[in-house]
């Protein structure tokens, strides 16, 4: 399985929405084992500054940016599918 990184920060409404979608999708057997490294850009700026993105949430799969900005359920599902 490929590694997923999600850049976000507490208090971001778009990040909250993405996290809710992740919780919903992880209820399915297909996605229950998918691990995501959550990086809060406010708490870990040294890590966040190493990546090229502007909006959160941003997802990287194996160090390749696959989504940036507000998300839909389908877009989060596509991120997870790229990792499987």
PDB file of N, CA and C in Angstrom:
ATOM      1  N   UNK A   1       0.836  -1.181   0.000  1.00  0.00           N
ATOM      2  CA  UNK A   1       0.000   0.000   0.000  1.00  0.00           C
ATOM      3  C   UNK A   1       0.882   1.246   0.000  1.00  0.00           C
ATOM      4  N   UNK A   2       0.462   2.244  -0.730  1.00  0.00           N
ATOM      5  CA  UNK A   2       1.202   3.501  -0.806  1.00  0.00           C
ATOM      6  C   UNK A   2       0.900   4.359   0.427  1.00  0.00           C
ATOM      7  N   UNK A   3       1.836   5.252   0.741  1.00  0.00           N
ATOM      8  CA  UNK A   3       1.674   6.120   1.906  1.00  0.00           C
ATOM      9  C   UNK A   3       0.906   7.387   1.538  1.00  0.00           C
ATOM     10  N   UNK A   4      -0.016   7.767   2.421  1.00  0.00           N
ATOM     11  CA  UNK A   4      -0.801   8.986   2.243  1.00  0.00           C
ATOM     12  C   UNK A   4      -0.397   9.989   3.312  1.00  0.00           C
ATOM     13  N   UNK A   5      -0.198  11.226   2.893  1.00  0.00           N
ATOM     14  CA  UNK A   5      -0.014  12.339   3.823  1.00  0.00           C
ATOM     15  C   UNK A   5      -1.134  13.322   3.573  1.00  0.00           C
ATOM     16  N   UNK A   6      -1.708  13.799   4.662  1.00  0.00           N
ATOM     17  CA  UNK A   6      -2.753  14.814   4.578  1.00  0.00           C
ATOM     18  C   UNK A   6      -2.287  16.036   5.349  1.00  0.00           C
ATOM     19  N   UNK A   7      -2.193  17.146   4.654  1.00  0.00           N
ATOM     20  CA  UNK A   7      -1.851  18.414   5.295  1.00  0.00           C
ATOM     21  C   UNK A   7      -3.142  19.134   5.632  1.00  0.00           C
ATOM     22  N   UNK A   8      -3.216  19.594   6.873  1.00  0.00           N
ATOM     23  CA  UNK A   8      -4.438  20.211   7.381  1.00  0.00           C
ATOM     24  C   UNK A   8      -4.093  21.082   8.568  1.00  0.00           C
ATOM     25  N   UNK A   9      -5.107  21.689   9.181  1.00  0.00           N
ATOM     26  CA  UNK A   9      -4.914  22.334  10.474  1.00  0.00           C
ATOM     27  C   UNK A   9      -6.235  22.381  11.221  1.00  0.00           C
ATOM     28  N   UNK A  10      -6.136  22.356  12.551  1.00  0.00           N
ATOM     29  CA  UNK A  10      -7.325  22.416  13.403  1.00  0.00           C
ATOM     30  C   UNK A  10      -8.077  23.714  13.135  1.00  0.00           C
ATOM     31  N   UNK A  11      -9.373  23.620  13.071  1.00  0.00           N
ATOM     32  CA  UNK A  11     -10.205  24.794  12.859  1.00  0.00           C
ATOM     33  C   UNK A  11     -10.533  25.056  11.402  1.00  0.00           C
ATOM     34  N   UNK A  12      -9.919  24.335  10.491  1.00  0.00           N
ATOM     35  CA  UNK A  12     -10.206  24.496   9.062  1.00  0.00           C
ATOM     36  C   UNK A  12     -11.488  23.733   8.731  1.00  0.00           C
ATOM     37  N   UNK A  13     -12.532  24.417   8.252  1.00  0.00           N
ATOM     38  CA  UNK A  13     -13.794  23.727   7.958  1.00  0.00           C
ATOM     39  C   UNK A  13     -13.669  22.723   6.811  1.00  0.00           C
ATOM     40  N   UNK A  14     -12.818  22.993   5.849  1.00  0.00           N
ATOM     41  CA  UNK A  14     -12.631  22.064   4.723  1.00  0.00           C
ATOM     42  C   UNK A  14     -11.897  20.806   5.181  1.00  0.00           C
ATOM     43  N   UNK A  15     -10.960  20.983   6.107  1.00  0.00           N
ATOM     44  CA  UNK A  15     -10.245  19.833   6.673  1.00  0.00           C
ATOM     45  C   UNK A  15     -11.194  18.972   7.496  1.00  0.00           C
ATOM     46  N   UNK A  16     -12.050  19.612   8.264  1.00  0.00           N
ATOM     47  CA  UNK A  16     -13.049  18.882   9.068  1.00  0.00           C
ATOM     48  C   UNK A  16     -13.937  18.051   8.165  1.00  0.00           C
ATOM     49  N   UNK A  17     -14.351  18.634   7.055  1.00  0.00           N
ATOM     50  CA  UNK A  17     -15.190  17.918   6.093  1.00  0.00           C
ATOM     51  C   UNK A  17     -14.437  16.708   5.530  1.00  0.00           C
ATOM     52  N   UNK A  18     -13.175  16.901   5.171  1.00  0.00           N
ATOM     53  CA  UNK A  18     -12.363  15.796   4.649  1.00  0.00           C
ATOM     54  C   UNK A  18     -12.207  14.696   5.693  1.00  0.00           C
ATOM     55  N   UNK A  19     -11.986  15.070   6.945  1.00  0.00           N
ATOM     56  CA  UNK A  19     -11.854  14.082   8.016  1.00  0.00           C
ATOM     57  C   UNK A  19     -13.157  13.316   8.222  1.00  0.00           C
ATOM     58  N   UNK A  20     -14.283  14.005   8.122  1.00  0.00           N
ATOM     59  CA  UNK A  20     -15.585  13.332   8.230  1.00  0.00           C
ATOM     60  C   UNK A  20     -15.764  12.324   7.088  1.00  0.00           C
ATOM     61  N   UNK A  21     -15.368  12.715   5.871  1.00  0.00           N
ATOM     62  CA  UNK A  21     -15.447  11.799   4.732  1.00  0.00           C
ATOM     63  C   UNK A  21     -14.540  10.587   4.954  1.00  0.00           C
ATOM     64  N   UNK A  22     -13.334  10.819   5.485  1.00  0.00           N
ATOM     65  CA  UNK A  22     -12.423   9.712   5.769  1.00  0.00           C
ATOM     66  C   UNK A  22     -13.021   8.754   6.786  1.00  0.00           C
ATOM     67  N   UNK A  23     -13.620   9.298   7.844  1.00  0.00           N
ATOM     68  CA  UNK A  23     -14.261   8.448   8.854  1.00  0.00           C
ATOM     69  C   UNK A  23     -15.368   7.608   8.236  1.00  0.00           C
ATOM     70  N   UNK A  24     -16.146   8.237   7.356  1.00  0.00           N
ATOM     71  CA  UNK A  24     -17.246   7.520   6.696  1.00  0.00           C
ATOM     72  C   UNK A  24     -16.707   6.403   5.800  1.00  0.00           C
ATOM     73  N   UNK A  25     -15.688   6.698   5.026  1.00  0.00           N
ATOM     74  CA  UNK A  25     -15.137   5.707   4.100  1.00  0.00           C
ATOM     75  C   UNK A  25     -14.415   4.578   4.830  1.00  0.00           C
ATOM     76  N   UNK A  26     -13.809   4.871   5.952  1.00  0.00           N
ATOM     77  CA  UNK A  26     -13.080   3.840   6.700  1.00  0.00           C
ATOM     78  C   UNK A  26     -14.006   2.809   7.326  1.00  0.00           C
ATOM     79  N   UNK A  27     -15.281   3.060   7.310  1.00  0.00           N
ATOM     80  CA  UNK A  27     -16.249   2.072   7.785  1.00  0.00           C
ATOM     81  C   UNK A  27     -16.394   0.924   6.791  1.00  0.00           C
ATOM     82  N   UNK A  28     -15.984   1.167   5.542  1.00  0.00           N
ATOM     83  CA  UNK A  28     -16.017   0.131   4.514  1.00  0.00           C
ATOM     84  C   UNK A  28     -14.761  -0.727   4.646  1.00  0.00           C
ATOM     85  N   UNK A  29     -14.926  -2.042   4.490  1.00  0.00           N
ATOM     86  CA  UNK A  29     -13.787  -2.957   4.614  1.00  0.00           C
ATOM     87  C   UNK A  29     -12.638  -2.567   3.690  1.00  0.00           C
ATOM     88  N   UNK A  30     -12.971  -2.135   2.499  1.00  0.00           N
ATOM     89  CA  UNK A  30     -11.949  -1.795   1.500  1.00  0.00           C
ATOM     90  C   UNK A  30     -10.992  -0.717   2.008  1.00  0.00           C
ATOM     91  N   UNK A  31     -11.488   0.209   2.817  1.00  0.00           N
ATOM     92  CA  UNK A  31     -10.689   1.347   3.262  1.00  0.00           C
ATOM     93  C   UNK A  31     -10.329   1.307   4.747  1.00  0.00           C
ATOM     94  N   UNK A  32     -10.788   0.304   5.467  1.00  0.00           N
ATOM     95  CA  UNK A  32     -10.603   0.272   6.927  1.00  0.00           C
ATOM     96  C   UNK A  32      -9.140   0.214   7.344  1.00  0.00           C
ATOM     97  N   UNK A  33      -8.278  -0.323   6.511  1.00  0.00           N
ATOM     98  CA  UNK A  33      -6.870  -0.495   6.861  1.00  0.00           C
ATOM     99  C   UNK A  33      -5.966   0.615   6.307  1.00  0.00           C
ATOM    100  N   UNK A  34      -6.532   1.574   5.596  1.00  0.00           N
ATOM    101  CA  UNK A  34      -5.733   2.641   5.000  1.00  0.00           C
ATOM    102  C   UNK A  34      -5.251   3.593   6.095  1.00  0.00           C
ATOM    103  N   UNK A  35      -3.938   3.797   6.133  1.00  0.00           N
ATOM    104  CA  UNK A  35      -3.358   4.699   7.123  1.00  0.00           C
ATOM    105  C   UNK A  35      -3.003   6.020   6.464  1.00  0.00           C
ATOM    106  N   UNK A  36      -3.242   7.093   7.197  1.00  0.00           N
ATOM    107  CA  UNK A  36      -2.961   8.430   6.683  1.00  0.00           C
ATOM    108  C   UNK A  36      -2.151   9.180   7.735  1.00  0.00           C
ATOM    109  N   UNK A  37      -1.039   9.727   7.301  1.00  0.00           N
ATOM    110  CA  UNK A  37      -0.233  10.564   8.183  1.00  0.00           C
ATOM    111  C   UNK A  37      -0.814  11.977   8.135  1.00  0.00           C
ATOM    112  N   UNK A  38      -1.335  12.426   9.251  1.00  0.00           N
ATOM    113  CA  UNK A  38      -1.925  13.763   9.350  1.00  0.00           C
ATOM    114  C   UNK A  38      -0.850  14.745   9.791  1.00  0.00           C
ATOM    115  N   UNK A  39      -0.682  15.792   9.026  1.00  0.00           N
ATOM    116  CA  UNK A  39       0.313  16.801   9.352  1.00  0.00           C
ATOM    117  C   UNK A  39      -0.392  18.142   9.503  1.00  0.00           C
ATOM    118  N   UNK A  40      -0.444  18.623  10.739  1.00  0.00           N
ATOM    119  CA  UNK A  40      -1.036  19.925  11.025  1.00  0.00           C
ATOM    120  C   UNK A  40       0.011  20.985  10.693  1.00  0.00           C
ATOM    121  N   UNK A  41      -0.253  21.761   9.653  1.00  0.00           N
ATOM    122  CA  UNK A  41       0.763  22.707   9.184  1.00  0.00           C
ATOM    123  C   UNK A  41       1.093  23.787  10.209  1.00  0.00           C
ATOM    124  N   UNK A  42       0.204  24.040  11.149  1.00  0.00           N
ATOM    125  CA  UNK A  42       0.485  25.031  12.191  1.00  0.00           C
ATOM    126  C   UNK A  42       1.372  24.446  13.292  1.00  0.00           C
ATOM    127  N   UNK A  43       1.234  23.158  13.545  1.00  0.00           N
ATOM    128  CA  UNK A  43       2.012  22.508  14.596  1.00  0.00           C
ATOM    129  C   UNK A  43       3.320  21.920  14.080  1.00  0.00           C
ATOM    130  N   UNK A  44       3.385  21.656  12.781  1.00  0.00           N
ATOM    131  CA  UNK A  44       4.584  21.062  12.183  1.00  0.00           C
ATOM    132  C   UNK A  44       5.008  21.840  10.932  1.00  0.00           C
ATOM    133  N   UNK A  45       5.296  23.126  11.092  1.00  0.00           N
ATOM    134  CA  UNK A  45       5.632  23.943   9.921  1.00  0.00           C
ATOM    135  C   UNK A  45       6.917  23.504   9.218  1.00  0.00           C
ATOM    136  N   UNK A  46       7.853  22.919   9.953  1.00  0.00           N
ATOM    137  CA  UNK A  46       9.096  22.463   9.327  1.00  0.00           C
ATOM    138  C   UNK A  46       8.820  21.384   8.282  1.00  0.00           C
ATOM    139  N   UNK A  47       7.881  20.507   8.569  1.00  0.00           N
ATOM    140  CA  UNK A  47       7.504  19.465   7.606  1.00  0.00           C
ATOM    141  C   UNK A  47       6.672  20.075   6.485  1.00  0.00           C
ATOM    142  N   UNK A  48       5.657  20.854   6.847  1.00  0.00           N
ATOM    143  CA  UNK A  48       4.753  21.437   5.847  1.00  0.00           C
ATOM    144  C   UNK A  48       5.498  22.290   4.835  1.00  0.00           C
ATOM    145  N   UNK A  49       6.508  23.010   5.271  1.00  0.00           N
ATOM    146  CA  UNK A  49       7.249  23.893   4.370  1.00  0.00           C
ATOM    147  C   UNK A  49       8.094  23.148   3.345  1.00  0.00           C
ATOM    148  N   UNK A  50       8.230  21.860   3.507  1.00  0.00           N
ATOM    149  CA  UNK A  50       8.978  21.053   2.547  1.00  0.00           C
ATOM    150  C   UNK A  50       8.129  20.638   1.353  1.00  0.00           C
ATOM    151  N   UNK A  51       6.823  20.925   1.402  1.00  0.00           N
ATOM    152  CA  UNK A  51       5.899  20.487   0.360  1.00  0.00           C
ATOM    153  C   UNK A  51       5.311  21.685  -0.375  1.00  0.00           C
ATOM    154  N   UNK A  52       4.975  21.454  -1.638  1.00  0.00           N
ATOM    155  CA  UNK A  52       4.466  22.500  -2.511  1.00  0.00           C
ATOM    156  C   UNK A  52       2.934  22.458  -2.559  1.00  0.00           C
ATOM    157  N   UNK A  53       2.312  23.227  -1.698  1.00  0.00           N
ATOM    158  CA  UNK A  53       0.858  23.359  -1.713  1.00  0.00           C
ATOM    159  C   UNK A  53       0.492  24.701  -1.101  1.00  0.00           C
ATOM    160  N   UNK A  54      -0.743  25.132  -1.361  1.00  0.00           N
ATOM    161  CA  UNK A  54      -1.202  26.410  -0.839  1.00  0.00           C
ATOM    162  C   UNK A  54      -2.448  26.247   0.022  1.00  0.00           C
ATOM    163  N   UNK A  55      -3.374  25.393  -0.436  1.00  0.00           N
ATOM    164  CA  UNK A  55      -4.657  25.203   0.245  1.00  0.00           C
ATOM    165  C   UNK A  55      -4.671  23.885   1.006  1.00  0.00           C
ATOM    166  N   UNK A  56      -5.459  23.858   2.073  1.00  0.00           N
ATOM    167  CA  UNK A  56      -5.699  22.610   2.801  1.00  0.00           C
ATOM    168  C   UNK A  56      -7.179  22.282   2.712  1.00  0.00           C
ATOM    169  N   UNK A  57      -7.528  21.022   2.797  1.00  0.00           N
ATOM    170  CA  UNK A  57      -6.641  19.880   2.926  1.00  0.00           C
ATOM    171  C   UNK A  57      -5.911  19.581   1.609  1.00  0.00           C
ATOM    172  N   UNK A  58      -4.704  19.066   1.763  1.00  0.00           N
ATOM    173  CA  UNK A  58      -3.921  18.598   0.621  1.00  0.00           C
ATOM    174  C   UNK A  58      -3.487  17.172   0.906  1.00  0.00           C
ATOM    175  N   UNK A  59      -3.633  16.330  -0.098  1.00  0.00           N
ATOM    176  CA  UNK A  59      -3.256  14.924   0.023  1.00  0.00           C
ATOM    177  C   UNK A  59      -2.105  14.607  -0.918  1.00  0.00           C
ATOM    178  N   UNK A  60      -1.130  13.866  -0.381  1.00  0.00           N
ATOM    179  CA  UNK A  60      -0.030  13.320  -1.167  1.00  0.00           C
ATOM    180  C   UNK A  60      -0.089  11.800  -1.053  1.00  0.00           C
ATOM    181  N   UNK A  61       0.092  11.115  -2.171  1.00  0.00           N
ATOM    182  CA  UNK A  61       0.198   9.660  -2.170  1.00  0.00           C
ATOM    183  C   UNK A  61       1.587   9.336  -2.703  1.00  0.00           C
ATOM    184  N   UNK A  62       2.373   8.674  -1.876  1.00  0.00           N
ATOM    185  CA  UNK A  62       3.775   8.384  -2.204  1.00  0.00           C
ATOM    186  C   UNK A  62       4.500   9.631  -2.703  1.00  0.00           C
ATOM    187  N   UNK A  63       4.346  10.699  -1.953  1.00  0.00           N
ATOM    188  CA  UNK A  63       5.048  11.970  -2.200  1.00  0.00           C
ATOM    189  C   UNK A  63       4.611  12.702  -3.465  1.00  0.00           C
ATOM    190  N   UNK A  64       3.487  12.291  -4.060  1.00  0.00           N
ATOM    191  CA  UNK A  64       2.942  12.976  -5.237  1.00  0.00           C
ATOM    192  C   UNK A  64       1.628  13.641  -4.821  1.00  0.00           C
ATOM    193  N   UNK A  65       1.522  14.944  -5.062  1.00  0.00           N
ATOM    194  CA  UNK A  65       0.289  15.642  -4.704  1.00  0.00           C
ATOM    195  C   UNK A  65      -0.842  15.155  -5.608  1.00  0.00           C
ATOM    196  N   UNK A  66      -1.932  14.684  -4.973  1.00  0.00           N
ATOM    197  CA  UNK A  66      -3.062  14.165  -5.737  1.00  0.00           C
ATOM    198  C   UNK A  66      -4.338  14.980  -5.538  1.00  0.00           C
ATOM    199  N   UNK A  67      -4.355  15.826  -4.504  1.00  0.00           N
ATOM    200  CA  UNK A  67      -5.524  16.688  -4.301  1.00  0.00           C
ATOM    201  C   UNK A  67      -5.147  17.854  -3.396  1.00  0.00           C
ATOM    202  N   UNK A  68      -5.693  19.029  -3.741  1.00  0.00           N
ATOM    203  CA  UNK A  68      -5.460  20.225  -2.935  1.00  0.00           C
ATOM    204  C   UNK A  68      -6.745  21.045  -2.872  1.00  0.00           C
ATOM    205  N   UNK A  69      -7.129  21.423  -1.662  1.00  0.00           N
ATOM    206  CA  UNK A  69      -8.293  22.285  -1.469  1.00  0.00           C
ATOM    207  C   UNK A  69      -9.530  21.521  -1.049  1.00  0.00           C
ATOM    208  N   UNK A  70     -10.643  22.248  -1.036  1.00  0.00           N
ATOM    209  CA  UNK A  70     -11.907  21.673  -0.587  1.00  0.00           C
ATOM    210  C   UNK A  70     -12.213  20.367  -1.328  1.00  0.00           C
ATOM    211  N   UNK A  71     -12.877  19.439  -0.641  1.00  0.00           N
ATOM    212  CA  UNK A  71     -13.077  18.103  -1.201  1.00  0.00           C
ATOM    213  C   UNK A  71     -14.519  17.653  -1.130  1.00  0.00           C
ATOM    214  N   UNK A  72     -14.815  16.685  -1.979  1.00  0.00           N
ATOM    215  CA  UNK A  72     -16.086  15.972  -1.931  1.00  0.00           C
ATOM    216  C   UNK A  72     -15.790  14.549  -1.452  1.00  0.00           C
ATOM    217  N   UNK A  73     -16.822  13.832  -1.123  1.00  0.00           N
ATOM    218  CA  UNK A  73     -16.665  12.434  -0.719  1.00  0.00           C
ATOM    219  C   UNK A  73     -15.978  11.652  -1.828  1.00  0.00           C
ATOM    220  N   UNK A  74     -16.383  11.875  -3.053  1.00  0.00           N
ATOM    221  CA  UNK A  74     -15.812  11.152  -4.195  1.00  0.00           C
ATOM    222  C   UNK A  74     -14.317  11.445  -4.352  1.00  0.00           C
ATOM    223  N   UNK A  75     -13.923  12.668  -4.128  1.00  0.00           N
ATOM    224  CA  UNK A  75     -12.505  13.023  -4.249  1.00  0.00           C
ATOM    225  C   UNK A  75     -11.658  12.358  -3.163  1.00  0.00           C
ATOM    226  N   UNK A  76     -12.175  12.277  -1.959  1.00  0.00           N
ATOM    227  CA  UNK A  76     -11.455  11.596  -0.881  1.00  0.00           C
ATOM    228  C   UNK A  76     -11.351  10.108  -1.203  1.00  0.00           C
ATOM    229  N   UNK A  77     -12.417   9.552  -1.734  1.00  0.00           N
ATOM    230  CA  UNK A  77     -12.414   8.139  -2.136  1.00  0.00           C
ATOM    231  C   UNK A  77     -11.351   7.878  -3.210  1.00  0.00           C
ATOM    232  N   UNK A  78     -11.212   8.803  -4.162  1.00  0.00           N
ATOM    233  CA  UNK A  78     -10.198   8.674  -5.201  1.00  0.00           C
ATOM    234  C   UNK A  78      -8.791   8.688  -4.604  1.00  0.00           C
ATOM    235  N   UNK A  79      -8.564   9.518  -3.607  1.00  0.00           N
ATOM    236  CA  UNK A  79      -7.264   9.547  -2.937  1.00  0.00           C
ATOM    237  C   UNK A  79      -6.971   8.180  -2.313  1.00  0.00           C
ATOM    238  N   UNK A  80      -7.942   7.642  -1.596  1.00  0.00           N
ATOM    239  CA  UNK A  80      -7.753   6.345  -0.956  1.00  0.00           C
ATOM    240  C   UNK A  80      -7.521   5.246  -1.984  1.00  0.00           C
ATOM    241  N   UNK A  81      -8.265   5.307  -3.092  1.00  0.00           N
ATOM    242  CA  UNK A  81      -8.089   4.297  -4.147  1.00  0.00           C
ATOM    243  C   UNK A  81      -6.693   4.338  -4.746  1.00  0.00           C
ATOM    244  N   UNK A  82      -6.105   5.519  -4.835  1.00  0.00           N
ATOM    245  CA  UNK A  82      -4.753   5.643  -5.391  1.00  0.00           C
ATOM    246  C   UNK A  82      -3.719   4.998  -4.471  1.00  0.00           C
ATOM    247  N   UNK A  83      -4.039   4.910  -3.204  1.00  0.00           N
ATOM    248  CA  UNK A  83      -3.102   4.329  -2.240  1.00  0.00           C
ATOM    249  C   UNK A  83      -3.213   2.812  -2.150  1.00  0.00           C
ATOM    250  N   UNK A  84      -4.337   2.283  -2.542  1.00  0.00           N
ATOM    251  CA  UNK A  84      -4.570   0.829  -2.410  1.00  0.00           C
ATOM    252  C   UNK A  84      -3.902   0.079  -3.548  1.00  0.00           C
TER     253      UNK A  84
END
